[in-house]
PDB file of N, CA and C in Angstrom:
ATOM      1  N   MET A   1      -6.426 -12.722  -2.730  1.00  0.00           N
ATOM      2  CA  MET A   1      -5.578 -12.768  -1.563  1.00  0.00           C
ATOM      3  C   MET A   1      -6.121 -11.768  -0.540  1.00  0.00           C
ATOM      4  N   SER A   2      -6.073 -12.134   0.710  1.00  0.00           N
ATOM      5  CA  SER A   2      -6.532 -11.248   1.782  1.00  0.00           C
ATOM      6  C   SER A   2      -5.371 -10.369   2.261  1.00  0.00           C
ATOM      7  N   PRO A   3      -5.680  -9.303   3.015  1.00  0.00           N
ATOM      8  CA  PRO A   3      -4.601  -8.472   3.558  1.00  0.00           C
ATOM      9  C   PRO A   3      -3.627  -9.294   4.408  1.00  0.00           C
ATOM     10  N   GLU A   4      -4.164 -10.190   5.217  1.00  0.00           N
ATOM     11  CA  GLU A   4      -3.332 -11.007   6.092  1.00  0.00           C
ATOM     12  C   GLU A   4      -2.410 -11.923   5.289  1.00  0.00           C
ATOM     13  N   GLU A   5      -2.920 -12.479   4.192  1.00  0.00           N
ATOM     14  CA  GLU A   5      -2.092 -13.345   3.349  1.00  0.00           C
ATOM     15  C   GLU A   5      -0.965 -12.551   2.682  1.00  0.00           C
ATOM     16  N   LEU A   6      -1.268 -11.351   2.211  1.00  0.00           N
ATOM     17  CA  LEU A   6      -0.245 -10.518   1.592  1.00  0.00           C
ATOM     18  C   LEU A   6       0.836 -10.163   2.610  1.00  0.00           C
ATOM     19  N   ILE A   7       0.430  -9.773   3.806  1.00  0.00           N
ATOM     20  CA  ILE A   7       1.386  -9.442   4.865  1.00  0.00           C
ATOM     21  C   ILE A   7       2.279 -10.646   5.158  1.00  0.00           C
ATOM     22  N   SER A   8       1.677 -11.797   5.340  1.00  0.00           N
ATOM     23  CA  SER A   8       2.430 -13.020   5.639  1.00  0.00           C
ATOM     24  C   SER A   8       3.404 -13.377   4.525  1.00  0.00           C
ATOM     25  N   ASN A   9       2.952 -13.314   3.278  1.00  0.00           N
ATOM     26  CA  ASN A   9       3.804 -13.655   2.136  1.00  0.00           C
ATOM     27  C   ASN A   9       5.007 -12.713   2.021  1.00  0.00           C
ATOM     28  N   LEU A  10       4.770 -11.412   2.219  1.00  0.00           N
ATOM     29  CA  LEU A  10       5.872 -10.459   2.118  1.00  0.00           C
ATOM     30  C   LEU A  10       6.870 -10.645   3.269  1.00  0.00           C
ATOM     31  N   GLU A  11       6.349 -10.899   4.476  1.00  0.00           N
ATOM     32  CA  GLU A  11       7.250 -11.146   5.609  1.00  0.00           C
ATOM     33  C   GLU A  11       8.106 -12.388   5.364  1.00  0.00           C
ATOM     34  N   LYS A  12       7.508 -13.439   4.840  1.00  0.00           N
ATOM     35  CA  LYS A  12       8.252 -14.672   4.546  1.00  0.00           C
ATOM     36  C   LYS A  12       9.309 -14.444   3.472  1.00  0.00           C
ATOM     37  N   SER A  13       9.100 -13.436   2.628  1.00  0.00           N
ATOM     38  CA  SER A  13      10.054 -13.104   1.566  1.00  0.00           C
ATOM     39  C   SER A  13      11.163 -12.175   2.049  1.00  0.00           C
ATOM     40  N   GLY A  14      11.154 -11.824   3.341  1.00  0.00           N
ATOM     41  CA  GLY A  14      12.213 -10.993   3.899  1.00  0.00           C
ATOM     42  C   GLY A  14      11.905  -9.519   4.034  1.00  0.00           C
ATOM     43  N   TRP A  15      10.680  -9.109   3.701  1.00  0.00           N
ATOM     44  CA  TRP A  15      10.305  -7.698   3.845  1.00  0.00           C
ATOM     45  C   TRP A  15      10.157  -7.399   5.339  1.00  0.00           C
ATOM     46  N   THR A  16      10.518  -6.173   5.749  1.00  0.00           N
ATOM     47  CA  THR A  16      10.400  -5.786   7.154  1.00  0.00           C
ATOM     48  C   THR A  16       9.052  -5.107   7.389  1.00  0.00           C
ATOM     49  N   LYS A  17       8.496  -5.348   8.582  1.00  0.00           N
ATOM     50  CA  LYS A  17       7.149  -4.857   8.888  1.00  0.00           C
ATOM     51  C   LYS A  17       7.188  -3.810   9.993  1.00  0.00           C
ATOM     52  N   THR A  18       6.426  -2.732   9.774  1.00  0.00           N
ATOM     53  CA  THR A  18       6.166  -1.732  10.807  1.00  0.00           C
ATOM     54  C   THR A  18       4.673  -1.434  10.768  1.00  0.00           C
ATOM     55  N   ILE A  19       4.168  -0.901  11.863  1.00  0.00           N
ATOM     56  CA  ILE A  19       2.743  -0.559  11.928  1.00  0.00           C
ATOM     57  C   ILE A  19       2.608   0.894  12.356  1.00  0.00           C
ATOM     58  N   GLU A  20       1.755   1.630  11.642  1.00  0.00           N
ATOM     59  CA  GLU A  20       1.453   3.022  11.968  1.00  0.00           C
ATOM     60  C   GLU A  20      -0.020   3.115  12.325  1.00  0.00           C
ATOM     61  N   PRO A  21      -0.383   4.006  13.265  1.00  0.00           N
ATOM     62  CA  PRO A  21      -1.774   4.087  13.694  1.00  0.00           C
ATOM     63  C   PRO A  21      -2.752   4.516  12.611  1.00  0.00           C
ATOM     64  N   GLY A  22      -2.349   5.373  11.696  1.00  0.00           N
ATOM     65  CA  GLY A  22      -3.247   5.817  10.625  1.00  0.00           C
ATOM     66  C   GLY A  22      -4.285   6.799  11.115  1.00  0.00           C
ATOM     67  N   GLY A  23      -5.138   7.213  10.202  1.00  0.00           N
ATOM     68  CA  GLY A  23      -6.166   8.197  10.515  1.00  0.00           C
ATOM     69  C   GLY A  23      -7.541   7.578  10.652  1.00  0.00           C
ATOM     70  N   LYS A  24      -8.511   8.450  10.821  1.00  0.00           N
ATOM     71  CA  LYS A  24      -9.890   8.021  11.018  1.00  0.00           C
ATOM     72  C   LYS A  24     -10.439   7.263   9.802  1.00  0.00           C
ATOM     73  N   LYS A  25     -10.142   7.760   8.594  1.00  0.00           N
ATOM     74  CA  LYS A  25     -10.636   7.114   7.370  1.00  0.00           C
ATOM     75  C   LYS A  25      -9.816   5.892   6.985  1.00  0.00           C
ATOM     76  N   SER A  26      -8.479   6.021   7.028  1.00  0.00           N
ATOM     77  CA  SER A  26      -7.621   4.951   6.517  1.00  0.00           C
ATOM     78  C   SER A  26      -7.389   3.827   7.511  1.00  0.00           C
ATOM     79  N   GLY A  27      -7.512   4.110   8.792  1.00  0.00           N
ATOM     80  CA  GLY A  27      -7.241   3.095   9.798  1.00  0.00           C
ATOM     81  C   GLY A  27      -5.753   2.795   9.881  1.00  0.00           C
ATOM     82  N   PRO A  28      -5.370   1.842  10.738  1.00  0.00           N
ATOM     83  CA  PRO A  28      -3.954   1.531  10.885  1.00  0.00           C
ATOM     84  C   PRO A  28      -3.354   0.981   9.600  1.00  0.00           C
ATOM     85  N   ALA A  29      -2.062   1.253   9.409  1.00  0.00           N
ATOM     86  CA  ALA A  29      -1.365   0.775   8.219  1.00  0.00           C
ATOM     87  C   ALA A  29      -0.252  -0.182   8.623  1.00  0.00           C
ATOM     88  N   THR A  30      -0.237  -1.332   7.975  1.00  0.00           N
ATOM     89  CA  THR A  30       0.890  -2.246   8.096  1.00  0.00           C
ATOM     90  C   THR A  30       1.783  -1.936   6.909  1.00  0.00           C
ATOM     91  N   ILE A  31       3.016  -1.552   7.190  1.00  0.00           N
ATOM     92  CA  ILE A  31       3.935  -1.147   6.127  1.00  0.00           C
ATOM     93  C   ILE A  31       5.035  -2.184   6.017  1.00  0.00           C
ATOM     94  N   LEU A  32       5.156  -2.750   4.835  1.00  0.00           N
ATOM     95  CA  LEU A  32       6.201  -3.731   4.568  1.00  0.00           C
ATOM     96  C   LEU A  32       7.185  -3.130   3.585  1.00  0.00           C
ATOM     97  N   THR A  33       8.476  -3.229   3.912  1.00  0.00           N
ATOM     98  CA  THR A  33       9.526  -2.619   3.106  1.00  0.00           C
ATOM     99  C   THR A  33      10.480  -3.683   2.593  1.00  0.00           C
ATOM    100  N   ASP A  34      10.749  -3.633   1.293  1.00  0.00           N
ATOM    101  CA  ASP A  34      11.723  -4.527   0.680  1.00  0.00           C
ATOM    102  C   ASP A  34      13.109  -3.961   0.991  1.00  0.00           C
ATOM    103  N   PRO A  35      13.923  -4.676   1.776  1.00  0.00           N
ATOM    104  CA  PRO A  35      15.233  -4.141   2.146  1.00  0.00           C
ATOM    105  C   PRO A  35      16.181  -3.973   0.958  1.00  0.00           C
ATOM    106  N   ASN A  36      15.930  -4.659  -0.137  1.00  0.00           N
ATOM    107  CA  ASN A  36      16.806  -4.569  -1.304  1.00  0.00           C
ATOM    108  C   ASN A  36      16.518  -3.353  -2.181  1.00  0.00           C
ATOM    109  N   THR A  37      15.236  -2.991  -2.319  1.00  0.00           N
ATOM    110  CA  THR A  37      14.859  -1.920  -3.247  1.00  0.00           C
ATOM    111  C   THR A  37      14.312  -0.673  -2.558  1.00  0.00           C
ATOM    112  N   GLY A  38      13.871  -0.805  -1.311  1.00  0.00           N
ATOM    113  CA  GLY A  38      13.243   0.319  -0.618  1.00  0.00           C
ATOM    114  C   GLY A  38      11.769   0.477  -0.950  1.00  0.00           C
ATOM    115  N   THR A  39      11.242  -0.395  -1.796  1.00  0.00           N
ATOM    116  CA  THR A  39       9.815  -0.358  -2.140  1.00  0.00           C
ATOM    117  C   THR A  39       8.997  -0.667  -0.890  1.00  0.00           C
ATOM    118  N   LYS A  40       7.899   0.079  -0.716  1.00  0.00           N
ATOM    119  CA  LYS A  40       7.020  -0.131   0.432  1.00  0.00           C
ATOM    120  C   LYS A  40       5.619  -0.483  -0.040  1.00  0.00           C
ATOM    121  N   VAL A  41       4.981  -1.375   0.701  1.00  0.00           N
ATOM    122  CA  VAL A  41       3.575  -1.688   0.494  1.00  0.00           C
ATOM    123  C   VAL A  41       2.855  -1.282   1.771  1.00  0.00           C
ATOM    124  N   ARG A  42       1.922  -0.353   1.634  1.00  0.00           N
ATOM    125  CA  ARG A  42       1.121   0.125   2.777  1.00  0.00           C
ATOM    126  C   ARG A  42      -0.235  -0.565   2.716  1.00  0.00           C
ATOM    127  N   ILE A  43      -0.499  -1.429   3.685  1.00  0.00           N
ATOM    128  CA  ILE A  43      -1.729  -2.216   3.702  1.00  0.00           C
ATOM    129  C   ILE A  43      -2.657  -1.679   4.784  1.00  0.00           C
ATOM    130  N   HIS A  44      -3.865  -1.344   4.372  1.00  0.00           N
ATOM    131  CA  HIS A  44      -4.902  -0.871   5.296  1.00  0.00           C
ATOM    132  C   HIS A  44      -5.974  -1.966   5.351  1.00  0.00           C
ATOM    133  N   ALA A  45      -5.777  -2.910   6.279  1.00  0.00           N
ATOM    134  CA  ALA A  45      -6.651  -4.080   6.369  1.00  0.00           C
ATOM    135  C   ALA A  45      -7.993  -3.759   7.016  1.00  0.00           C
ATOM    136  N   THR A  46      -8.040  -2.728   7.865  1.00  0.00           N
ATOM    137  CA  THR A  46      -9.278  -2.378   8.562  1.00  0.00           C
ATOM    138  C   THR A  46      -9.505  -0.867   8.511  1.00  0.00           C
ATOM    139  N   PRO A  47      -9.765  -0.327   7.309  1.00  0.00           N
ATOM    140  CA  PRO A  47      -9.979   1.119   7.225  1.00  0.00           C
ATOM    141  C   PRO A  47     -11.260   1.540   7.931  1.00  0.00           C
ATOM    142  N   GLY A  48     -11.284   2.779   8.388  1.00  0.00           N
ATOM    143  CA  GLY A  48     -12.473   3.318   9.029  1.00  0.00           C
ATOM    144  C   GLY A  48     -13.619   3.466   8.051  1.00  0.00           C
ATOM    145  N   GLU A  49     -13.294   3.654   6.779  1.00  0.00           N
ATOM    146  CA  GLU A  49     -14.294   3.790   5.721  1.00  0.00           C
ATOM    147  C   GLU A  49     -13.864   2.952   4.524  1.00  0.00           C
ATOM    148  N   GLY A  50     -14.799   2.276   3.903  1.00  0.00           N
ATOM    149  CA  GLY A  50     -14.500   1.537   2.676  1.00  0.00           C
ATOM    150  C   GLY A  50     -13.936   0.150   2.911  1.00  0.00           C
ATOM    151  N   ASN A  51     -13.429  -0.433   1.822  1.00  0.00           N
ATOM    152  CA  ASN A  51     -12.903  -1.794   1.829  1.00  0.00           C
ATOM    153  C   ASN A  51     -11.401  -1.799   2.112  1.00  0.00           C
ATOM    154  N   PRO A  52     -10.874  -2.936   2.593  1.00  0.00           N
ATOM    155  CA  PRO A  52      -9.426  -3.040   2.781  1.00  0.00           C
ATOM    156  C   PRO A  52      -8.699  -2.758   1.467  1.00  0.00           C
ATOM    157  N   TYR A  53      -7.551  -2.086   1.568  1.00  0.00           N
ATOM    158  CA  TYR A  53      -6.810  -1.717   0.365  1.00  0.00           C
ATOM    159  C   TYR A  53      -5.323  -1.641   0.661  1.00  0.00           C
ATOM    160  N   PHE A  54      -4.540  -1.502  -0.410  1.00  0.00           N
ATOM    161  CA  PHE A  54      -3.116  -1.280  -0.258  1.00  0.00           C
ATOM    162  C   PHE A  54      -2.638  -0.296  -1.311  1.00  0.00           C
ATOM    163  N   ARG A  55      -1.456   0.278  -1.033  1.00  0.00           N
ATOM    164  CA  ARG A  55      -0.799   1.187  -1.967  1.00  0.00           C
ATOM    165  C   ARG A  55       0.676   0.823  -1.977  1.00  0.00           C
ATOM    166  N   VAL A  56       1.329   1.054  -3.102  1.00  0.00           N
ATOM    167  CA  VAL A  56       2.746   0.735  -3.255  1.00  0.00           C
ATOM    168  C   VAL A  56       3.515   2.032  -3.473  1.00  0.00           C
ATOM    169  N   GLN A  57       4.632   2.179  -2.734  1.00  0.00           N
ATOM    170  CA  GLN A  57       5.480   3.370  -2.857  1.00  0.00           C
ATOM    171  C   GLN A  57       6.870   2.959  -3.321  1.00  0.00           C
ATOM    172  N   ASN A  58       7.452   3.778  -4.190  1.00  0.00           N
ATOM    173  CA  ASN A  58       8.839   3.531  -4.579  1.00  0.00           C
ATOM    174  C   ASN A  58       9.762   4.103  -3.510  1.00  0.00           C
ATOM    175  N   LYS A  59      11.057   3.919  -3.680  1.00  0.00           N
ATOM    176  CA  LYS A  59      12.046   4.381  -2.703  1.00  0.00           C
ATOM    177  C   LYS A  59      11.938   5.884  -2.444  1.00  0.00           C
ATOM    178  N   GLY A  60      11.528   6.647  -3.450  1.00  0.00           N
ATOM    179  CA  GLY A  60      11.374   8.086  -3.313  1.00  0.00           C
ATOM    180  C   GLY A  60      10.094   8.515  -2.620  1.00  0.00           C
ATOM    181  N   GLY A  61       9.200   7.576  -2.326  1.00  0.00           N
ATOM    182  CA  GLY A  61       7.953   7.889  -1.636  1.00  0.00           C
ATOM    183  C   GLY A  61       6.759   8.114  -2.541  1.00  0.00           C
ATOM    184  N   ASN A  62       6.961   8.040  -3.857  1.00  0.00           N
ATOM    185  CA  ASN A  62       5.837   8.219  -4.776  1.00  0.00           C
ATOM    186  C   ASN A  62       4.992   6.955  -4.850  1.00  0.00           C
ATOM    187  N   TYR A  63       3.688   7.143  -4.882  1.00  0.00           N
ATOM    188  CA  TYR A  63       2.780   6.004  -5.029  1.00  0.00           C
ATOM    189  C   TYR A  63       2.755   5.561  -6.485  1.00  0.00           C
ATOM    190  N   LEU A  64       2.713   4.261  -6.695  1.00  0.00           N
ATOM    191  CA  LEU A  64       2.777   3.704  -8.039  1.00  0.00           C
ATOM    192  C   LEU A  64       1.433   3.168  -8.497  1.00  0.00           C
ATOM    193  N   GLY A  65       1.177   3.271  -9.795  1.00  0.00           N
ATOM    194  CA  GLY A  65      -0.032   2.732 -10.403  1.00  0.00           C
ATOM    195  C   GLY A  65       0.162   1.263 -10.754  1.00  0.00           C
ATOM    196  N   ASP A  66      -0.825   0.677 -11.407  1.00  0.00           N
ATOM    197  CA  ASP A  66      -0.761  -0.752 -11.741  1.00  0.00           C
ATOM    198  C   ASP A  66       0.297  -1.070 -12.795  1.00  0.00           C
ATOM    199  N   ASP A  67       0.863  -0.041 -13.422  1.00  0.00           N
ATOM    200  CA  ASP A  67       1.943  -0.258 -14.386  1.00  0.00           C
ATOM    201  C   ASP A  67       3.324  -0.125 -13.736  1.00  0.00           C
ATOM    202  N   GLY A  68       3.344   0.110 -12.406  1.00  0.00           N
ATOM    203  CA  GLY A  68       4.609   0.236 -11.685  1.00  0.00           C
ATOM    204  C   GLY A  68       5.247   1.607 -11.781  1.00  0.00           C
ATOM    205  N   LYS A  69       4.516   2.586 -12.310  1.00  0.00           N
ATOM    206  CA  LYS A  69       5.049   3.941 -12.478  1.00  0.00           C
ATOM    207  C   LYS A  69       4.165   4.950 -11.749  1.00  0.00           C
ATOM    208  N   PHE A  70       4.751   6.075 -11.380  1.00  0.00           N
ATOM    209  CA  PHE A  70       3.994   7.173 -10.786  1.00  0.00           C
ATOM    210  C   PHE A  70       3.197   7.860 -11.888  1.00  0.00           C
ATOM    211  N   PRO A  71       1.871   8.020 -11.696  1.00  0.00           N
ATOM    212  CA  PRO A  71       1.051   8.680 -12.731  1.00  0.00           C
ATOM    213  C   PRO A  71       1.242  10.197 -12.701  1.00  0.00           C
ATOM    214  N   SER A  72       2.350  10.673 -13.242  1.00  0.00           N
ATOM    215  CA  SER A  72       2.759  12.070 -13.108  1.00  0.00           C
ATOM    216  C   SER A  72       1.832  13.089 -13.770  1.00  0.00           C
ATOM    217  N   ASN A  73       1.113  12.703 -14.791  1.00  0.00           N
ATOM    218  CA  ASN A  73       0.227  13.655 -15.466  1.00  0.00           C
ATOM    219  C   ASN A  73      -1.188  13.670 -14.902  1.00  0.00           C
ATOM    220  N   ALA A  74      -1.420  12.926 -13.834  1.00  0.00           N
ATOM    221  CA  ALA A  74      -2.757  12.831 -13.248  1.00  0.00           C
ATOM    222  C   ALA A  74      -2.985  13.940 -12.220  1.00  0.00           C
ATOM    223  N   THR A  75      -4.262  14.266 -11.990  1.00  0.00           N
ATOM    224  CA  THR A  75      -4.612  15.216 -10.938  1.00  0.00           C
ATOM    225  C   THR A  75      -4.450  14.514  -9.591  1.00  0.00           C
ATOM    226  N   LYS A  76      -4.502  15.274  -8.507  1.00  0.00           N
ATOM    227  CA  LYS A  76      -4.366  14.690  -7.173  1.00  0.00           C
ATOM    228  C   LYS A  76      -5.426  13.615  -6.942  1.00  0.00           C
ATOM    229  N   GLU A  77      -6.660  13.890  -7.344  1.00  0.00           N
ATOM    230  CA  GLU A  77      -7.745  12.915  -7.183  1.00  0.00           C
ATOM    231  C   GLU A  77      -7.493  11.672  -8.034  1.00  0.00           C
ATOM    232  N   GLU A  78      -7.059  11.876  -9.268  1.00  0.00           N
ATOM    233  CA  GLU A  78      -6.769  10.744 -10.154  1.00  0.00           C
ATOM    234  C   GLU A  78      -5.626   9.893  -9.609  1.00  0.00           C
ATOM    235  N   ILE A  79      -4.611  10.534  -9.043  1.00  0.00           N
ATOM    236  CA  ILE A  79      -3.496   9.784  -8.462  1.00  0.00           C
ATOM    237  C   ILE A  79      -4.013   8.873  -7.363  1.00  0.00           C
ATOM    238  N   GLY A  80      -4.907   9.385  -6.522  1.00  0.00           N
ATOM    239  CA  GLY A  80      -5.492   8.567  -5.464  1.00  0.00           C
ATOM    240  C   GLY A  80      -6.208   7.351  -6.027  1.00  0.00           C
ATOM    241  N   ASP A  81      -6.986   7.560  -7.072  1.00  0.00           N
ATOM    242  CA  ASP A  81      -7.731   6.460  -7.689  1.00  0.00           C
ATOM    243  C   ASP A  81      -6.806   5.470  -8.378  1.00  0.00           C
ATOM    244  N   LEU A  82      -5.763   5.958  -9.028  1.00  0.00           N
ATOM    245  CA  LEU A  82      -4.863   5.090  -9.794  1.00  0.00           C
ATOM    246  C   LEU A  82      -3.879   4.304  -8.933  1.00  0.00           C
ATOM    247  N   THR A  83      -3.688   4.736  -7.674  1.00  0.00           N
ATOM    248  CA  THR A  83      -2.692   4.085  -6.830  1.00  0.00           C
ATOM    249  C   THR A  83      -3.299   3.385  -5.622  1.00  0.00           C
ATOM    250  N   HIS A  84      -4.602   3.262  -5.574  1.00  0.00           N
ATOM    251  CA  HIS A  84      -5.356   2.699  -4.454  1.00  0.00           C
ATOM    252  C   HIS A  84      -5.950   1.368  -4.922  1.00  0.00           C
ATOM    253  N   PHE A  85      -5.457   0.250  -4.369  1.00  0.00           N
ATOM    254  CA  PHE A  85      -5.893  -1.076  -4.829  1.00  0.00           C
ATOM    255  C   PHE A  85      -6.674  -1.790  -3.732  1.00  0.00           C
ATOM    256  N   GLU A  86      -7.949  -2.067  -3.997  1.00  0.00           N
ATOM    257  CA  GLU A  86      -8.788  -2.761  -3.020  1.00  0.00           C
ATOM    258  C   GLU A  86      -8.578  -4.258  -3.117  1.00  0.00           C
ATOM    259  N   PHE A  87      -8.592  -4.920  -1.971  1.00  0.00           N
ATOM    260  CA  PHE A  87      -8.494  -6.371  -1.953  1.00  0.00           C
ATOM    261  C   PHE A  87      -9.784  -6.971  -2.508  1.00  0.00           C
ATOM    262  N   GLY A  88      -9.655  -8.044  -3.242  1.00  0.00           N
ATOM    263  CA  GLY A  88     -10.811  -8.737  -3.783  1.00  0.00           C
ATOM    264  C   GLY A  88     -11.336  -8.166  -5.065  1.00  0.00           C
ATOM    265  N   LYS A  89     -10.639  -7.198  -5.666  1.00  0.00           N
ATOM    266  CA  LYS A  89     -11.093  -6.603  -6.921  1.00  0.00           C
ATOM    267  C   LYS A  89     -10.049  -6.777  -7.984  1.00  0.00           C
TER     268      LYS A  89
END
């Protein structure tokens, strides 16, 4: 699935969309929020560096790993790796 397809699918499912300018490395972020749970998906479709990616945040703002949980015992660098999902991989 492409970033655009994910954005479209979430919007069609009722998620609300906002856009933030982002930084030099991450580029702009399209943020989709589930109004029922507060879960957010931050999509970086055109990062300044690297491939397009997304991250998922729970209502509390913690980034989640592929198991749906915050990797609490990980180092800061490991958390970045465990919660950063590239499109097409």
